[in-house]
């Protein structure tokens, strides 16, 4: 059986609007509570990947962490139009180190 999962991006409007042209479902949010509710709501729907801006993810670390141990949805941090906080790359390094046993990046 083949499962078709959707892709979503969550963040401020200016950072994520371009994703709409790629066919990604776009959710504009501006505060911590709205971000938490949106991520939790779309995680219960048929989404396999949820991209979220680093700036927004930094406001809701407990929510992001809750999905770290789940295979689906994969929550991936991306830089916003204001630049990167290096949170996403730090998470990738930690996951690679956990999987391989040392940081190869």
Protein backbone atom coordinates (compact mmCIF):
# COMPACT_ATOMS: atom_id res chain seq x y z
CA UNK A 1 0.00 0.00 0.00
CA UNK A 2 1.31 3.43 -0.92
CA UNK A 3 0.74 6.33 1.44
CA UNK A 4 0.64 9.84 0.07
CA UNK A 5 1.62 12.36 2.68
CA UNK A 6 1.30 16.08 2.33
CA UNK A 7 3.98 18.70 3.01
CA UNK A 8 3.38 21.84 5.07
CA UNK A 9 5.42 24.87 5.97
CA UNK A 10 4.76 27.00 9.06
CA UNK A 11 6.21 30.45 9.67
CA UNK A 12 5.76 34.14 9.12
CA UNK A 13 4.09 35.09 5.85
CA UNK A 14 7.13 36.78 4.29
CA UNK A 15 9.34 33.73 4.86
CA UNK A 16 7.03 31.01 3.61
CA UNK A 17 4.85 32.48 0.88
CA UNK A 18 7.18 31.26 -1.89
CA UNK A 19 6.54 27.65 -0.86
CA UNK A 20 2.96 28.02 -2.08
CA UNK A 21 4.25 28.11 -5.67
CA UNK A 22 5.79 24.68 -5.07
CA UNK A 23 2.44 23.19 -4.06
CA UNK A 24 3.26 23.08 -0.36
CA UNK A 25 0.49 23.89 2.13
CA UNK A 26 1.41 27.18 3.79
CA UNK A 27 0.40 28.16 7.33
CA UNK A 28 1.21 31.75 8.35
CA UNK A 29 1.49 32.21 12.09
CA UNK A 30 2.93 35.01 14.18
CA UNK A 31 2.94 34.03 17.83
CA UNK A 32 3.83 31.15 20.09
CA UNK A 33 0.32 29.88 20.84
CA UNK A 34 -0.79 30.02 17.23
CA UNK A 35 2.37 28.16 16.20
CA UNK A 36 1.86 25.44 18.78
CA UNK A 37 -1.78 24.89 17.81
CA UNK A 38 -1.01 24.90 14.09
CA UNK A 39 1.83 22.37 14.34
CA UNK A 40 -0.23 20.06 16.57
CA UNK A 41 -3.26 20.31 14.29
CA UNK A 42 -1.44 19.58 11.04
CA UNK A 43 0.61 16.81 12.68
CA UNK A 44 -2.67 14.95 13.30
CA UNK A 45 -3.61 15.32 9.65
CA UNK A 46 -2.01 13.51 6.72
CA UNK A 47 1.31 15.43 6.70
CA UNK A 48 4.60 13.59 6.35
CA UNK A 49 6.84 16.65 6.54
CA UNK A 50 6.34 19.90 8.39
CA UNK A 51 8.87 22.63 7.69
CA UNK A 52 8.94 25.37 10.31
CA UNK A 53 11.08 28.49 10.46
CA UNK A 54 13.85 28.45 13.05
CA UNK A 55 12.61 31.69 14.62
CA UNK A 56 9.17 30.19 15.22
CA UNK A 57 10.56 26.84 16.35
CA UNK A 58 12.70 28.61 18.95
CA UNK A 59 9.47 29.83 20.58
CA UNK A 60 8.00 26.31 20.89
CA UNK A 61 10.91 23.94 21.62
CA UNK A 62 8.75 21.56 23.68
CA UNK A 63 6.33 21.09 20.77
CA UNK A 64 9.16 20.49 18.31
CA UNK A 65 10.82 18.03 20.70
CA UNK A 66 7.57 16.04 21.01
CA UNK A 67 7.80 15.11 17.33
CA UNK A 68 11.52 14.23 17.41
CA UNK A 69 10.81 10.65 18.45
CA UNK A 70 8.13 10.11 15.83
CA UNK A 71 8.83 9.01 12.29
CA UNK A 72 5.85 10.88 10.86
CA UNK A 73 5.60 13.79 10.67
CA UNK A 74 9.20 14.82 10.23
CA UNK A 75 9.58 18.36 11.60
CA UNK A 76 12.37 20.17 9.80
CA UNK A 77 13.65 23.60 10.76
CA UNK A 78 14.43 26.07 7.99
CA UNK A 79 15.86 29.59 8.05
CA UNK A 80 13.43 32.48 7.70
CA UNK A 81 13.90 35.50 5.46
CA UNK A 82 15.69 37.11 8.45
CA UNK A 83 18.49 34.55 8.25
CA UNK A 84 19.44 31.45 10.16
CA UNK A 85 19.80 30.81 13.87
CA UNK A 86 21.74 27.58 13.11
CA UNK A 87 19.17 25.59 15.12
CA UNK A 88 18.30 23.42 12.12
CA UNK A 89 21.91 22.55 11.36
CA UNK A 90 22.61 21.82 15.03
CA UNK A 91 19.68 19.37 15.04
CA UNK A 92 21.01 17.65 11.91
CA UNK A 93 24.48 17.34 13.48
CA UNK A 94 23.01 15.81 16.66
CA UNK A 95 20.92 13.31 14.69
CA UNK A 96 23.88 12.28 12.52
CA UNK A 97 26.04 11.89 15.60
CA UNK A 98 23.36 9.79 17.29
CA UNK A 99 22.97 7.56 14.21
CA UNK A 100 26.66 7.17 13.32
CA UNK A 101 28.28 7.50 16.73
CA UNK A 102 30.35 10.54 15.87
CA UNK A 103 29.90 13.85 14.11
CA UNK A 104 30.95 13.26 10.50
CA UNK A 105 29.70 16.62 9.31
